[in-house]
Amino acid sequence: MNVTLQDQIAEVKRELALRERKYPEWVTSGRMKREQAARQINAMKAVLNTLEQQDAINRPELFPR
């Protein structure tokens, strides 16, 4: 099964949205520490940034110079 870069980006965005929605609840309930939640959200944002940068590198320029 081939998972495209765009598929990976979409999945990371979905996971990031889930974390941003659920982690505050988990921190409030004591299920997760605030620092852990922040670290994991920031890590997922970094993954997204890396994938989006790679996607930009792989895309041909619309208006080559």
C-alpha atoms as a PDB file:
ATOM      1  CA  MET A   1       0.000   0.000   0.000  1.00  0.00           C
ATOM      2  CA  ASN A   2       1.425   3.340  -1.072  1.00  0.00           C
ATOM      3  CA  VAL A   3       0.798   6.250   1.274  1.00  0.00           C
ATOM      4  CA  THR A   4       1.429   9.516  -0.525  1.00  0.00           C
ATOM      5  CA  LEU A   5       3.005  12.556   1.051  1.00  0.00           C
ATOM      6  CA  GLN A   6      -0.351  14.333   0.798  1.00  0.00           C
ATOM      7  CA  ASP A   7      -1.984  11.415   2.633  1.00  0.00           C
ATOM      8  CA  GLN A   8       0.638  11.669   5.364  1.00  0.00           C
ATOM      9  CA  ILE A   9       0.091  15.424   5.706  1.00  0.00           C
ATOM     10  CA  ALA A  10      -3.676  14.931   5.965  1.00  0.00           C
ATOM     11  CA  GLU A  11      -3.219  12.266   8.636  1.00  0.00           C
ATOM     12  CA  VAL A  12      -0.861  14.427  10.685  1.00  0.00           C
ATOM     13  CA  LYS A  13      -3.324  17.329  10.458  1.00  0.00           C
ATOM     14  CA  ARG A  14      -6.102  15.039  11.669  1.00  0.00           C
ATOM     15  CA  GLU A  15      -3.986  13.793  14.569  1.00  0.00           C
ATOM     16  CA  LEU A  16      -2.925  17.327  15.490  1.00  0.00           C
ATOM     17  CA  ALA A  17      -6.557  18.496  15.548  1.00  0.00           C
ATOM     18  CA  LEU A  18      -7.458  15.534  17.759  1.00  0.00           C
ATOM     19  CA  ARG A  19      -4.643  16.307  20.182  1.00  0.00           C
ATOM     20  CA  GLU A  20      -5.521  20.003  20.325  1.00  0.00           C
ATOM     21  CA  ARG A  21      -9.122  19.080  21.095  1.00  0.00           C
ATOM     22  CA  LYS A  22      -8.576  16.241  23.587  1.00  0.00           C
ATOM     23  CA  TYR A  23      -5.344  17.031  25.422  1.00  0.00           C
ATOM     24  CA  PRO A  24      -6.755  20.005  27.363  1.00  0.00           C
ATOM     25  CA  GLU A  25      -9.487  17.697  28.694  1.00  0.00           C
ATOM     26  CA  TRP A  26      -6.897  15.086  29.602  1.00  0.00           C
ATOM     27  CA  VAL A  27      -4.752  17.668  31.410  1.00  0.00           C
ATOM     28  CA  THR A  28      -7.771  18.910  33.367  1.00  0.00           C
ATOM     29  CA  SER A  29      -8.734  15.345  34.337  1.00  0.00           C
ATOM     30  CA  GLY A  30      -5.170  14.496  35.389  1.00  0.00           C
ATOM     31  CA  ARG A  31      -4.760  11.869  32.670  1.00  0.00           C
ATOM     32  CA  MET A  32      -1.852  13.824  31.171  1.00  0.00           C
ATOM     33  CA  LYS A  33       0.585  16.434  32.442  1.00  0.00           C
ATOM     34  CA  ARG A  34       0.478  19.879  30.821  1.00  0.00           C
ATOM     35  CA  GLU A  35       4.169  19.680  29.839  1.00  0.00           C
ATOM     36  CA  GLN A  36       3.686  16.296  28.179  1.00  0.00           C
ATOM     37  CA  ALA A  37       0.672  17.574  26.236  1.00  0.00           C
ATOM     38  CA  ALA A  38       2.561  20.650  25.051  1.00  0.00           C
ATOM     39  CA  ARG A  39       5.611  18.591  24.054  1.00  0.00           C
ATOM     40  CA  GLN A  40       3.537  16.101  22.065  1.00  0.00           C
ATOM     41  CA  ILE A  41       1.511  18.797  20.307  1.00  0.00           C
ATOM     42  CA  ASN A  42       4.692  20.704  19.444  1.00  0.00           C
ATOM     43  CA  ALA A  43       6.290  17.506  18.141  1.00  0.00           C
ATOM     44  CA  MET A  44       3.307  16.848  15.874  1.00  0.00           C
ATOM     45  CA  LYS A  45       3.444  20.454  14.616  1.00  0.00           C
ATOM     46  CA  ALA A  46       7.128  19.903  13.796  1.00  0.00           C
ATOM     47  CA  VAL A  47       6.270  16.711  11.897  1.00  0.00           C
ATOM     48  CA  LEU A  48       3.633  18.608   9.921  1.00  0.00           C
ATOM     49  CA  ASN A  49       6.092  21.390   9.158  1.00  0.00           C
ATOM     50  CA  THR A  50       8.698  18.890   7.944  1.00  0.00           C
ATOM     51  CA  LEU A  51       6.200  17.109   5.701  1.00  0.00           C
ATOM     52  CA  GLU A  52       4.877  20.380   4.275  1.00  0.00           C
ATOM     53  CA  GLN A  53       8.428  21.569   3.546  1.00  0.00           C
ATOM     54  CA  GLN A  54       9.145  18.303   1.763  1.00  0.00           C
ATOM     55  CA  ASP A  55       5.916  18.661  -0.190  1.00  0.00           C
ATOM     56  CA  ALA A  56       6.931  22.181  -1.272  1.00  0.00           C
ATOM     57  CA  ILE A  57      10.326  20.899  -2.427  1.00  0.00           C
ATOM     58  CA  ASN A  58       8.698  18.113  -4.436  1.00  0.00           C
ATOM     59  CA  ARG A  59       6.168  20.328  -6.199  1.00  0.00           C
ATOM     60  CA  PRO A  60       7.163  21.835  -9.503  1.00  0.00           C
ATOM     61  CA  GLU A  61       7.125  25.622  -9.700  1.00  0.00           C
ATOM     62  CA  LEU A  62       4.038  27.017 -11.345  1.00  0.00           C
ATOM     63  CA  PHE A  63       5.959  29.905 -12.851  1.00  0.00           C
ATOM     64  CA  PRO A  64       9.596  28.848 -13.373  1.00  0.00           C
ATOM     65  CA  ARG A  65      12.102  31.673 -13.619  1.00  0.00           C
END
